Amino acid sequence: MGFCVFNTVAVGAAHARAAGVRRVAIVDYDVHHGNGTQWMFYADPAVLFVSMHQFPYYPGTGAAHEIGHGAGEGYTLNFPLDAGATDADYDRLFAKAIVPVLQRFEPELILVSAGFDAHERDPLGGMRMSTGGFDRISRRLIEVADRCCAGRIVFVTEGGYDLSALGACLDALVTALASDTVAPPGEPLAGDAARAEACLAEVRAAQGKHWPSL
């Protein structure tokens, strides 16, 4: 329901599973909810799907109570953020919730739907992320991959409709991936993170029994 003909990340996750990878984590920070990825793995406990996105927004899915089905219950985690979310909101969700969940899941491979349309310069979304904010959350994911799965992480470019902002974000990402060592970001960014806290309260209510670390 988005702008993609083929869901590259979902194909990659299914291929990895078929090749013998036991646990795959997919992290989607595109401004739109990754509804296709969610439904493909909604009942699969071997694929953890984590999405943070502007909500409510197209395609209208991705509420916190959408948590998976059957054996896959708890392995879909949606972080629906109000429009206007900033670097501080995103970084807090990563530091306080997403990174701990990934560490507990212990993936053997991390796939990232790397959409940069939550950038403050993007004409489509309503978020206020900066290039530095994207670099920070990317580095958090690289750090998790180094710790959990021998650095096996793949970033797949998705949304991003201001070409200057998209180019800057990709430059920062390639620089981080090419670095021999990635400095851990440490504590969450200071600043107003009220949107993140409101989102986290919803997620805890929906997912608390599955992920006590939240």
N, C-alpha and C. Protein backbone atom coordinates (compact mmCIF):
# COMPACT_ATOMS: atom_id res chain seq x y z
N MET A 1 0.81 -1.22 0.00
CA MET A 1 0.00 0.00 0.00
C MET A 1 0.84 1.26 0.00
N GLY A 2 2.15 1.10 -0.07
CA GLY A 2 3.04 2.26 -0.11
C GLY A 2 3.52 2.52 -1.51
N PHE A 3 4.80 2.88 -1.64
CA PHE A 3 5.35 3.25 -2.94
C PHE A 3 6.23 2.14 -3.52
N CYS A 4 6.20 0.95 -2.90
CA CYS A 4 7.10 -0.13 -3.32
C CYS A 4 6.33 -1.17 -4.13
N VAL A 5 6.97 -1.69 -5.17
CA VAL A 5 6.40 -2.80 -5.92
C VAL A 5 6.71 -4.11 -5.19
N PHE A 6 7.96 -4.26 -4.77
CA PHE A 6 8.38 -5.44 -4.01
C PHE A 6 8.88 -4.98 -2.64
N ASN A 7 8.56 -5.77 -1.63
CA ASN A 7 9.02 -5.48 -0.27
C ASN A 7 10.39 -6.15 -0.08
N THR A 8 11.43 -5.41 -0.37
CA THR A 8 12.79 -5.96 -0.38
C THR A 8 13.18 -6.54 0.98
N VAL A 9 12.85 -5.83 2.03
CA VAL A 9 13.24 -6.29 3.36
C VAL A 9 12.51 -7.58 3.72
N ALA A 10 11.24 -7.68 3.40
CA ALA A 10 10.50 -8.91 3.69
C ALA A 10 11.04 -10.08 2.89
N VAL A 11 11.36 -9.84 1.62
CA VAL A 11 11.97 -10.90 0.81
C VAL A 11 13.30 -11.34 1.43
N GLY A 12 14.10 -10.36 1.87
CA GLY A 12 15.38 -10.68 2.50
C GLY A 12 15.22 -11.48 3.76
N ALA A 13 14.23 -11.13 4.58
CA ALA A 13 14.00 -11.86 5.82
C ALA A 13 13.55 -13.29 5.53
N ALA A 14 12.64 -13.46 4.58
CA ALA A 14 12.17 -14.80 4.23
C ALA A 14 13.31 -15.65 3.66
N HIS A 15 14.15 -15.03 2.84
CA HIS A 15 15.30 -15.76 2.27
C HIS A 15 16.28 -16.18 3.37
N ALA A 16 16.53 -15.27 4.30
CA ALA A 16 17.45 -15.60 5.40
C ALA A 16 16.91 -16.76 6.23
N ARG A 17 15.62 -16.74 6.51
CA ARG A 17 15.02 -17.83 7.27
C ARG A 17 15.14 -19.15 6.50
N ALA A 18 14.88 -19.10 5.20
CA ALA A 18 14.97 -20.32 4.39
C ALA A 18 16.40 -20.85 4.33
N ALA A 19 17.37 -19.94 4.48
CA ALA A 19 18.78 -20.34 4.44
C ALA A 19 19.29 -20.83 5.79
N GLY A 20 18.42 -20.80 6.81
CA GLY A 20 18.81 -21.35 8.10
C GLY A 20 19.00 -20.36 9.22
N VAL A 21 18.79 -19.06 8.96
CA VAL A 21 18.89 -18.07 10.04
C VAL A 21 17.69 -18.25 10.97
N ARG A 22 17.96 -18.44 12.24
CA ARG A 22 16.87 -18.80 13.16
C ARG A 22 16.01 -17.62 13.58
N ARG A 23 16.63 -16.45 13.79
CA ARG A 23 15.87 -15.28 14.26
C ARG A 23 16.32 -14.05 13.47
N VAL A 24 15.35 -13.37 12.87
CA VAL A 24 15.61 -12.15 12.11
C VAL A 24 14.82 -11.02 12.76
N ALA A 25 15.47 -9.89 12.96
CA ALA A 25 14.78 -8.69 13.44
C ALA A 25 14.71 -7.69 12.29
N ILE A 26 13.53 -7.10 12.12
CA ILE A 26 13.32 -6.04 11.14
C ILE A 26 12.97 -4.77 11.90
N VAL A 27 13.72 -3.71 11.65
CA VAL A 27 13.46 -2.41 12.27
C VAL A 27 13.11 -1.44 11.16
N ASP A 28 11.97 -0.79 11.29
CA ASP A 28 11.44 0.10 10.24
C ASP A 28 11.22 1.48 10.84
N TYR A 29 12.05 2.46 10.41
CA TYR A 29 11.83 3.82 10.91
C TYR A 29 11.36 4.79 9.82
N ASP A 30 10.85 4.24 8.72
CA ASP A 30 10.19 5.06 7.71
C ASP A 30 9.01 5.80 8.35
N VAL A 31 8.66 6.96 7.82
CA VAL A 31 7.59 7.76 8.42
C VAL A 31 6.24 7.06 8.32
N HIS A 32 6.10 6.16 7.33
CA HIS A 32 4.87 5.39 7.19
C HIS A 32 5.01 4.03 7.88
N HIS A 33 3.90 3.53 8.40
CA HIS A 33 3.92 2.20 9.00
C HIS A 33 4.20 1.15 7.93
N GLY A 34 5.03 0.16 8.27
CA GLY A 34 5.35 -0.92 7.35
C GLY A 34 4.30 -2.01 7.39
N ASN A 35 3.11 -1.69 6.90
CA ASN A 35 1.99 -2.64 7.04
C ASN A 35 2.23 -3.95 6.29
N GLY A 36 2.84 -3.89 5.12
CA GLY A 36 3.09 -5.12 4.37
C GLY A 36 4.01 -6.06 5.13
N THR A 37 5.08 -5.52 5.66
CA THR A 37 6.01 -6.34 6.44
C THR A 37 5.32 -6.91 7.66
N GLN A 38 4.52 -6.10 8.32
CA GLN A 38 3.81 -6.57 9.51
C GLN A 38 2.95 -7.78 9.19
N TRP A 39 2.12 -7.68 8.17
CA TRP A 39 1.18 -8.77 7.91
C TRP A 39 1.88 -10.03 7.41
N MET A 40 3.00 -9.88 6.71
CA MET A 40 3.70 -11.06 6.22
C MET A 40 4.24 -11.93 7.35
N PHE A 41 4.62 -11.29 8.46
CA PHE A 41 5.25 -12.04 9.56
C PHE A 41 4.43 -11.97 10.85
N TYR A 42 3.15 -11.66 10.73
CA TYR A 42 2.31 -11.38 11.90
C TYR A 42 2.18 -12.58 12.84
N ALA A 43 2.28 -13.79 12.30
CA ALA A 43 2.14 -14.99 13.13
C ALA A 43 3.45 -15.76 13.26
N ASP A 44 4.56 -15.11 12.97
CA ASP A 44 5.86 -15.78 12.93
C ASP A 44 6.75 -15.32 14.08
N PRO A 45 6.99 -16.16 15.08
CA PRO A 45 7.82 -15.75 16.21
C PRO A 45 9.31 -15.68 15.89
N ALA A 46 9.71 -16.13 14.70
CA ALA A 46 11.13 -16.09 14.33
C ALA A 46 11.53 -14.77 13.69
N VAL A 47 10.53 -13.93 13.37
CA VAL A 47 10.81 -12.62 12.77
C VAL A 47 10.20 -11.54 13.67
N LEU A 48 11.05 -10.78 14.30
CA LEU A 48 10.62 -9.66 15.14
C LEU A 48 10.50 -8.42 14.26
N PHE A 49 9.31 -7.82 14.24
CA PHE A 49 9.10 -6.62 13.44
C PHE A 49 8.85 -5.44 14.37
N VAL A 50 9.68 -4.41 14.24
CA VAL A 50 9.58 -3.20 15.05
C VAL A 50 9.43 -2.01 14.12
N SER A 51 8.36 -1.24 14.31
CA SER A 51 8.12 -0.08 13.46
C SER A 51 7.80 1.14 14.31
N MET A 52 8.52 2.24 14.05
CA MET A 52 8.11 3.52 14.63
C MET A 52 7.75 4.43 13.46
N HIS A 53 6.62 5.14 13.59
CA HIS A 53 6.04 5.81 12.44
C HIS A 53 5.09 6.91 12.91
N GLN A 54 4.81 7.82 12.01
CA GLN A 54 3.82 8.87 12.28
C GLN A 54 2.44 8.24 12.31
N PHE A 55 1.67 8.58 13.35
CA PHE A 55 0.35 7.97 13.51
C PHE A 55 -0.61 8.98 14.12
N PRO A 56 -1.83 9.09 13.63
CA PRO A 56 -2.37 8.38 12.47
C PRO A 56 -1.85 9.01 11.17
N TYR A 57 -1.57 8.18 10.22
CA TYR A 57 -1.04 8.63 8.93
C TYR A 57 -1.18 7.44 7.97
N TYR A 58 -1.04 7.70 6.70
CA TYR A 58 -1.14 6.63 5.72
C TYR A 58 -0.11 5.53 6.03
N PRO A 59 -0.47 4.26 6.02
CA PRO A 59 -1.71 3.66 5.51
C PRO A 59 -2.79 3.43 6.57
N GLY A 60 -2.64 4.02 7.76
CA GLY A 60 -3.68 3.92 8.78
C GLY A 60 -3.52 2.78 9.75
N THR A 61 -2.50 1.96 9.56
CA THR A 61 -2.25 0.83 10.46
C THR A 61 -1.08 1.18 11.38
N GLY A 62 -0.76 0.26 12.29
CA GLY A 62 0.40 0.45 13.15
C GLY A 62 0.09 0.96 14.54
N ALA A 63 -1.12 0.70 15.03
CA ALA A 63 -1.44 1.06 16.41
C ALA A 63 -0.68 0.16 17.37
N ALA A 64 -0.53 0.61 18.59
CA ALA A 64 0.26 -0.15 19.57
C ALA A 64 -0.36 -1.51 19.88
N HIS A 65 -1.68 -1.63 19.74
CA HIS A 65 -2.34 -2.89 20.07
C HIS A 65 -2.21 -3.94 18.97
N GLU A 66 -1.60 -3.60 17.83
CA GLU A 66 -1.32 -4.58 16.79
C GLU A 66 -0.01 -5.28 17.15
N ILE A 67 -0.10 -6.45 17.77
CA ILE A 67 1.07 -7.06 18.41
C ILE A 67 1.44 -8.43 17.84
N GLY A 68 0.75 -8.88 16.82
CA GLY A 68 0.99 -10.21 16.29
C GLY A 68 -0.17 -11.13 16.58
N HIS A 69 -0.11 -12.35 16.03
CA HIS A 69 -1.22 -13.29 16.16
C HIS A 69 -0.67 -14.69 16.41
N GLY A 70 -1.39 -15.45 17.22
CA GLY A 70 -1.00 -16.83 17.47
C GLY A 70 0.40 -16.93 18.05
N ALA A 71 1.23 -17.79 17.45
CA ALA A 71 2.60 -17.96 17.94
C ALA A 71 3.41 -16.69 17.79
N GLY A 72 2.97 -15.79 16.91
CA GLY A 72 3.70 -14.55 16.68
C GLY A 72 3.27 -13.40 17.59
N GLU A 73 2.38 -13.67 18.53
CA GLU A 73 1.93 -12.59 19.41
C GLU A 73 3.10 -12.05 20.23
N GLY A 74 3.28 -10.74 20.19
CA GLY A 74 4.38 -10.09 20.90
C GLY A 74 5.58 -9.83 20.01
N TYR A 75 5.59 -10.43 18.83
CA TYR A 75 6.75 -10.25 17.94
C TYR A 75 6.53 -9.20 16.86
N THR A 76 5.43 -8.48 16.98
CA THR A 76 5.21 -7.23 16.24
C THR A 76 5.11 -6.13 17.26
N LEU A 77 6.01 -5.16 17.17
CA LEU A 77 5.99 -4.02 18.10
C LEU A 77 5.85 -2.74 17.29
N ASN A 78 4.73 -2.06 17.50
CA ASN A 78 4.48 -0.78 16.84
C ASN A 78 4.64 0.37 17.83
N PHE A 79 5.36 1.39 17.38
CA PHE A 79 5.57 2.60 18.17
C PHE A 79 4.94 3.77 17.41
N PRO A 80 3.64 4.02 17.61
CA PRO A 80 2.94 5.08 16.87
C PRO A 80 3.21 6.45 17.49
N LEU A 81 3.86 7.31 16.73
CA LEU A 81 4.27 8.62 17.22
C LEU A 81 3.39 9.73 16.64
N ASP A 82 3.07 10.72 17.47
CA ASP A 82 2.37 11.89 16.96
C ASP A 82 3.26 12.68 16.02
N ALA A 83 2.65 13.36 15.06
CA ALA A 83 3.40 14.25 14.18
C ALA A 83 4.17 15.27 15.00
N GLY A 84 5.33 15.66 14.49
CA GLY A 84 6.17 16.63 15.19
C GLY A 84 7.25 16.01 16.05
N ALA A 85 7.35 14.68 16.05
CA ALA A 85 8.37 14.02 16.87
C ALA A 85 9.77 14.42 16.40
N THR A 86 10.68 14.57 17.37
CA THR A 86 12.02 15.08 17.13
C THR A 86 13.08 14.01 17.38
N ASP A 87 14.33 14.43 17.22
CA ASP A 87 15.46 13.55 17.53
C ASP A 87 15.34 12.98 18.94
N ALA A 88 14.94 13.82 19.90
CA ALA A 88 14.86 13.37 21.29
C ALA A 88 13.81 12.28 21.45
N ASP A 89 12.68 12.40 20.74
CA ASP A 89 11.64 11.38 20.82
C ASP A 89 12.14 10.05 20.26
N TYR A 90 12.69 10.08 19.07
CA TYR A 90 13.16 8.85 18.43
C TYR A 90 14.29 8.21 19.25
N ASP A 91 15.22 9.02 19.71
CA ASP A 91 16.37 8.47 20.43
C ASP A 91 15.93 7.85 21.76
N ARG A 92 14.95 8.46 22.39
CA ARG A 92 14.47 7.89 23.65
C ARG A 92 13.81 6.53 23.41
N LEU A 93 13.00 6.42 22.37
CA LEU A 93 12.38 5.13 22.07
C LEU A 93 13.43 4.06 21.79
N PHE A 94 14.45 4.43 21.04
CA PHE A 94 15.50 3.46 20.75
C PHE A 94 16.23 3.06 22.02
N ALA A 95 16.67 4.03 22.81
CA ALA A 95 17.49 3.73 23.98
C ALA A 95 16.72 2.99 25.06
N LYS A 96 15.47 3.39 25.29
CA LYS A 96 14.70 2.85 26.41
C LYS A 96 13.86 1.63 26.06
N ALA A 97 13.56 1.43 24.78
CA ALA A 97 12.65 0.34 24.44
C ALA A 97 13.18 -0.56 23.33
N ILE A 98 13.54 0.01 22.20
CA ILE A 98 13.84 -0.82 21.03
C ILE A 98 15.14 -1.59 21.21
N VAL A 99 16.19 -0.92 21.67
CA VAL A 99 17.46 -1.61 21.87
C VAL A 99 17.32 -2.74 22.91
N PRO A 100 16.70 -2.50 24.08
CA PRO A 100 16.53 -3.62 25.02
C PRO A 100 15.75 -4.79 24.46
N VAL A 101 14.71 -4.51 23.66
CA VAL A 101 13.93 -5.60 23.05
C VAL A 101 14.79 -6.39 22.07
N LEU A 102 15.54 -5.69 21.24
CA LEU A 102 16.42 -6.37 20.29
C LEU A 102 17.44 -7.24 21.01
N GLN A 103 18.01 -6.74 22.07
CA GLN A 103 19.01 -7.50 22.82
C GLN A 103 18.40 -8.75 23.43
N ARG A 104 17.17 -8.64 23.92
CA ARG A 104 16.52 -9.81 24.51
C ARG A 104 16.14 -10.83 23.42
N PHE A 105 15.75 -10.35 22.25
CA PHE A 105 15.37 -11.25 21.15
C PHE A 105 16.58 -12.00 20.59
N GLU A 106 17.74 -11.39 20.66
CA GLU A 106 19.00 -11.97 20.17
C GLU A 106 18.90 -12.40 18.70
N PRO A 107 18.70 -11.45 17.80
CA PRO A 107 18.62 -11.82 16.39
C PRO A 107 19.96 -12.29 15.85
N GLU A 108 19.90 -13.11 14.82
CA GLU A 108 21.12 -13.51 14.11
C GLU A 108 21.36 -12.61 12.91
N LEU A 109 20.37 -11.78 12.57
CA LEU A 109 20.47 -10.83 11.47
C LEU A 109 19.49 -9.70 11.75
N ILE A 110 19.92 -8.47 11.49
CA ILE A 110 19.03 -7.31 11.61
C ILE A 110 18.89 -6.68 10.22
N LEU A 111 17.66 -6.50 9.80
CA LEU A 111 17.35 -5.80 8.56
C LEU A 111 16.66 -4.49 8.91
N VAL A 112 17.06 -3.41 8.26
CA VAL A 112 16.52 -2.09 8.58
C VAL A 112 15.83 -1.50 7.36
N SER A 113 14.55 -1.19 7.51
CA SER A 113 13.84 -0.40 6.50
C SER A 113 14.18 1.05 6.77
N ALA A 114 15.22 1.52 6.07
CA ALA A 114 15.82 2.83 6.37
C ALA A 114 15.15 3.91 5.53
N GLY A 115 13.98 4.34 5.99
CA GLY A 115 13.31 5.46 5.34
C GLY A 115 13.67 6.76 6.04
N PHE A 116 14.02 7.77 5.27
CA PHE A 116 14.45 9.05 5.85
C PHE A 116 13.41 10.15 5.65
N ASP A 117 12.15 9.74 5.47
CA ASP A 117 11.09 10.72 5.26
C ASP A 117 10.52 11.27 6.56
N ALA A 118 11.10 10.90 7.70
CA ALA A 118 10.77 11.58 8.96
C ALA A 118 11.68 12.79 9.17
N HIS A 119 12.51 13.10 8.19
CA HIS A 119 13.42 14.25 8.28
C HIS A 119 12.61 15.55 8.29
N GLU A 120 13.11 16.54 9.02
CA GLU A 120 12.41 17.82 9.14
C GLU A 120 12.25 18.54 7.80
N ARG A 121 13.10 18.23 6.82
CA ARG A 121 13.02 18.87 5.51
C ARG A 121 12.15 18.11 4.53
N ASP A 122 11.67 16.95 4.92
CA ASP A 122 10.91 16.14 3.97
C ASP A 122 9.53 16.75 3.72
N PRO A 123 9.10 16.81 2.46
CA PRO A 123 7.82 17.45 2.15
C PRO A 123 6.60 16.57 2.42
N LEU A 124 6.83 15.29 2.70
CA LEU A 124 5.70 14.37 2.81
C LEU A 124 5.26 14.15 4.25
N GLY A 125 6.19 13.87 5.13
CA GLY A 125 5.85 13.57 6.51
C GLY A 125 5.74 14.82 7.36
N GLY A 126 5.38 14.59 8.63
CA GLY A 126 5.23 15.71 9.56
C GLY A 126 6.14 15.60 10.76
N MET A 127 7.26 14.88 10.61
CA MET A 127 8.20 14.71 11.72
C MET A 127 9.32 15.74 11.63
N ARG A 128 10.14 15.79 12.68
CA ARG A 128 11.18 16.82 12.76
C ARG A 128 12.55 16.22 13.08
N MET A 129 12.83 15.09 12.51
CA MET A 129 14.14 14.47 12.69
C MET A 129 15.20 15.25 11.90
N SER A 130 16.44 15.23 12.41
CA SER A 130 17.56 15.84 11.70
C SER A 130 18.47 14.75 11.17
N THR A 131 19.42 15.15 10.33
CA THR A 131 20.41 14.19 9.83
C THR A 131 21.18 13.58 11.00
N GLY A 132 21.56 14.41 11.96
CA GLY A 132 22.27 13.91 13.13
C GLY A 132 21.44 12.93 13.95
N GLY A 133 20.12 13.16 14.02
CA GLY A 133 19.25 12.25 14.74
C GLY A 133 19.19 10.88 14.08
N PHE A 134 19.10 10.87 12.75
CA PHE A 134 19.11 9.60 12.04
C PHE A 134 20.45 8.87 12.24
N ASP A 135 21.53 9.63 12.19
CA ASP A 135 22.84 9.03 12.41
C ASP A 135 22.91 8.37 13.79
N ARG A 136 22.32 9.01 14.76
CA ARG A 136 22.37 8.50 16.13
C ARG A 136 21.61 7.17 16.26
N ILE A 137 20.40 7.09 15.69
CA ILE A 137 19.65 5.84 15.84
C ILE A 137 20.26 4.74 14.98
N SER A 138 20.85 5.11 13.84
CA SER A 138 21.55 4.10 13.03
C SER A 138 22.71 3.51 13.80
N ARG A 139 23.46 4.36 14.49
CA ARG A 139 24.60 3.89 15.27
C ARG A 139 24.14 3.00 16.43
N ARG A 140 22.98 3.29 16.99
CA ARG A 140 22.45 2.40 18.04
C ARG A 140 22.19 1.00 17.46
N LEU A 141 21.63 0.96 16.26
CA LEU A 141 21.35 -0.33 15.65
C LEU A 141 22.64 -1.08 15.29
N ILE A 142 23.63 -0.36 14.79
CA ILE A 142 24.91 -0.99 14.47
C ILE A 142 25.55 -1.56 15.73
N GLU A 143 25.44 -0.83 16.82
CA GLU A 143 25.98 -1.30 18.10
C GLU A 143 25.29 -2.59 18.54
N VAL A 144 23.96 -2.65 18.39
CA VAL A 144 23.24 -3.88 18.74
C VAL A 144 23.70 -5.04 17.87
N ALA A 145 23.85 -4.78 16.57
CA ALA A 145 24.29 -5.84 15.66
C ALA A 145 25.68 -6.34 16.04
N ASP A 146 26.56 -5.44 16.40
CA ASP A 146 27.90 -5.84 16.83
C ASP A 146 27.85 -6.72 18.07
N ARG A 147 26.91 -6.40 18.94
CA ARG A 147 26.81 -7.12 20.21
C ARG A 147 26.08 -8.46 20.07
N CYS A 148 25.04 -8.49 19.23
CA CYS A 148 24.15 -9.66 19.19
C CYS A 148 24.43 -10.62 18.04
N CYS A 149 24.86 -10.11 16.90
CA CYS A 149 24.91 -10.98 15.73
C CYS A 149 26.13 -10.73 14.86
N ALA A 150 27.26 -10.52 15.51
CA ALA A 150 28.54 -10.40 14.81
C ALA A 150 28.51 -9.34 13.71
N GLY A 151 27.76 -8.27 13.95
CA GLY A 151 27.73 -7.15 13.00
C GLY A 151 26.87 -7.38 11.78
N ARG A 152 26.05 -8.43 11.77
CA ARG A 152 25.24 -8.72 10.59
C ARG A 152 24.00 -7.82 10.57
N ILE A 153 24.11 -6.72 9.86
CA ILE A 153 23.02 -5.75 9.75
C ILE A 153 22.99 -5.22 8.32
N VAL A 154 21.79 -5.07 7.77
CA VAL A 154 21.60 -4.57 6.41
C VAL A 154 20.62 -3.41 6.45
N PHE A 155 21.03 -2.28 5.90
CA PHE A 155 20.14 -1.12 5.77
C PHE A 155 19.66 -1.04 4.33
N VAL A 156 18.34 -0.98 4.14
CA VAL A 156 17.74 -0.89 2.81
C VAL A 156 17.07 0.47 2.68
N THR A 157 17.51 1.26 1.70
CA THR A 157 16.96 2.60 1.53
C THR A 157 15.49 2.52 1.16
N GLU A 158 14.67 3.30 1.87
CA GLU A 158 13.24 3.37 1.55
C GLU A 158 12.85 4.83 1.35
N GLY A 159 11.94 5.38 2.15
CA GLY A 159 11.43 6.73 1.90
C GLY A 159 12.47 7.82 2.07
N GLY A 160 12.17 8.97 1.49
CA GLY A 160 13.03 10.14 1.57
C GLY A 160 12.84 10.99 0.33
N TYR A 161 12.18 12.14 0.46
CA TYR A 161 11.70 12.87 -0.72
C TYR A 161 12.25 14.29 -0.81
N ASP A 162 13.16 14.64 0.08
CA ASP A 162 13.99 15.83 -0.10
C ASP A 162 15.38 15.29 -0.42
N LEU A 163 15.85 15.52 -1.64
CA LEU A 163 17.06 14.83 -2.09
C LEU A 163 18.30 15.26 -1.31
N SER A 164 18.36 16.53 -0.90
CA SER A 164 19.51 16.98 -0.11
C SER A 164 19.54 16.29 1.25
N ALA A 165 18.38 16.23 1.90
CA ALA A 165 18.30 15.57 3.20
C ALA A 165 18.59 14.08 3.07
N LEU A 166 18.03 13.46 2.03
CA LEU A 166 18.26 12.04 1.80
C LEU A 166 19.74 11.76 1.58
N GLY A 167 20.39 12.59 0.76
CA GLY A 167 21.81 12.40 0.50
C GLY A 167 22.65 12.54 1.75
N ALA A 168 22.32 13.54 2.57
CA ALA A 168 23.08 13.76 3.81
C ALA A 168 22.91 12.58 4.77
N CYS A 169 21.68 12.06 4.87
CA CYS A 169 21.44 10.92 5.76
C CYS A 169 22.18 9.68 5.27
N LEU A 170 22.18 9.45 3.97
CA LEU A 170 22.88 8.29 3.43
C LEU A 170 24.39 8.43 3.59
N ASP A 171 24.92 9.63 3.41
CA ASP A 171 26.35 9.86 3.64
C ASP A 171 26.73 9.49 5.07
N ALA A 172 25.91 9.96 6.03
CA ALA A 172 26.19 9.67 7.43
C ALA A 172 26.10 8.18 7.71
N LEU A 173 25.11 7.52 7.11
CA LEU A 173 24.94 6.09 7.33
C LEU A 173 26.11 5.29 6.77
N VAL A 174 26.52 5.60 5.55
CA VAL A 174 27.64 4.88 4.94
C VAL A 174 28.92 5.10 5.75
N THR A 175 29.11 6.32 6.25
CA THR A 175 30.27 6.61 7.08
C THR A 175 30.27 5.74 8.34
N ALA A 176 29.10 5.62 8.97
CA ALA A 176 29.00 4.80 10.19
C ALA A 176 29.27 3.32 9.87
N LEU A 177 28.71 2.85 8.76
CA LEU A 177 28.90 1.44 8.40
C LEU A 177 30.34 1.13 8.02
N ALA A 178 31.03 2.13 7.48
CA ALA A 178 32.41 1.92 7.04
C ALA A 178 33.42 2.07 8.17
N SER A 179 32.97 2.56 9.32
CA SER A 179 33.88 2.79 10.44
C SER A 179 34.30 1.47 11.08
N ASP A 180 35.55 1.39 11.47
CA ASP A 180 36.03 0.19 12.17
C ASP A 180 35.37 0.05 13.53
N THR A 181 35.13 1.18 14.17
CA THR A 181 34.45 1.18 15.46
C THR A 181 33.38 2.25 15.44
N VAL A 182 32.25 1.96 16.06
CA VAL A 182 31.15 2.91 16.14
C VAL A 182 30.98 3.28 17.60
N ALA A 183 31.16 4.57 17.90
CA ALA A 183 31.04 5.04 19.28
C ALA A 183 29.58 4.90 19.72
N PRO A 184 29.32 4.21 20.83
CA PRO A 184 27.93 4.08 21.31
C PRO A 184 27.38 5.44 21.71
N PRO A 185 26.13 5.74 21.34
CA PRO A 185 25.57 7.06 21.64
C PRO A 185 25.37 7.34 23.12
N GLY A 186 25.25 6.31 23.95
CA GLY A 186 25.10 6.55 25.38
C GLY A 186 23.67 6.90 25.76
N GLU A 187 23.52 7.81 26.70
CA GLU A 187 22.21 8.17 27.22
C GLU A 187 21.36 8.84 26.14
N PRO A 188 20.02 8.77 26.27
CA PRO A 188 19.16 9.42 25.29
C PRO A 188 19.41 10.92 25.22
N LEU A 189 19.14 11.49 24.07
CA LEU A 189 19.28 12.92 23.89
C LEU A 189 18.40 13.68 24.87
N ALA A 190 18.91 14.79 25.37
CA ALA A 190 18.11 15.67 26.21
C ALA A 190 17.11 16.41 25.33
N GLY A 191 16.06 16.90 25.95
CA GLY A 191 15.06 17.66 25.22
C GLY A 191 13.67 17.11 25.45
N ASP A 192 12.69 17.81 24.95
CA ASP A 192 11.30 17.42 25.11
C ASP A 192 11.04 16.11 24.37
N ALA A 193 10.67 15.09 25.11
CA ALA A 193 10.38 13.79 24.51
C ALA A 193 8.97 13.34 24.92
N ALA A 194 8.05 14.30 25.02
CA ALA A 194 6.70 13.98 25.47
C ALA A 194 5.99 13.03 24.52
N ARG A 195 6.25 13.17 23.22
CA ARG A 195 5.61 12.27 22.26
C ARG A 195 6.12 10.84 22.45
N ALA A 196 7.39 10.70 22.70
CA ALA A 196 7.95 9.37 22.94
C ALA A 196 7.38 8.75 24.21
N GLU A 197 7.25 9.53 25.25
CA GLU A 197 6.74 9.00 26.51
C GLU A 197 5.29 8.57 26.38
N ALA A 198 4.49 9.36 25.65
CA ALA A 198 3.09 8.98 25.43
C ALA A 198 3.00 7.70 24.62
N CYS A 199 3.84 7.59 23.61
CA CYS A 199 3.88 6.38 22.78
C CYS A 199 4.31 5.18 23.61
N LEU A 200 5.32 5.36 24.43
CA LEU A 200 5.85 4.25 25.22
C LEU A 200 4.82 3.74 26.22
N ALA A 201 4.00 4.64 26.75
CA ALA A 201 2.95 4.22 27.67
C ALA A 201 1.95 3.30 26.97
N GLU A 202 1.61 3.62 25.72
CA GLU A 202 0.71 2.76 24.94
C GLU A 202 1.34 1.40 24.68
N VAL A 203 2.61 1.42 24.32
CA VAL A 203 3.29 0.17 23.99
C VAL A 203 3.42 -0.71 25.23
N ARG A 204 3.73 -0.12 26.36
CA ARG A 204 3.84 -0.91 27.59
C ARG A 204 2.52 -1.57 27.93
N ALA A 205 1.41 -0.84 27.75
CA ALA A 205 0.09 -1.40 28.05
C ALA A 205 -0.23 -2.58 27.14
N ALA A 206 0.21 -2.49 25.89
CA ALA A 206 -0.10 -3.55 24.92
C ALA A 206 0.88 -4.72 24.98
N GLN A 207 2.12 -4.44 25.36
CA GLN A 207 3.18 -5.44 25.21
C GLN A 207 3.84 -5.86 26.51
N GLY A 208 3.40 -5.31 27.62
CA GLY A 208 4.10 -5.53 28.88
C GLY A 208 4.31 -6.99 29.24
N LYS A 209 3.32 -7.83 28.97
CA LYS A 209 3.47 -9.25 29.34
C LYS A 209 4.46 -9.98 28.44
N HIS A 210 4.68 -9.44 27.25
CA HIS A 210 5.62 -10.08 26.32
C HIS A 210 7.04 -9.55 26.50
N TRP A 211 7.16 -8.27 26.85
CA TRP A 211 8.48 -7.63 26.94
C TRP A 211 8.55 -6.82 28.25
N PRO A 212 8.82 -7.50 29.36
CA PRO A 212 8.88 -6.79 30.65
C PRO A 212 9.94 -5.69 30.68
N SER A 213 10.94 -5.77 29.80
CA SER A 213 11.99 -4.74 29.78
C SER A 213 11.48 -3.38 29.37
N LEU A 214 10.28 -3.34 28.77
CA LEU A 214 9.70 -2.05 28.40
C LEU A 214 9.32 -1.25 29.63
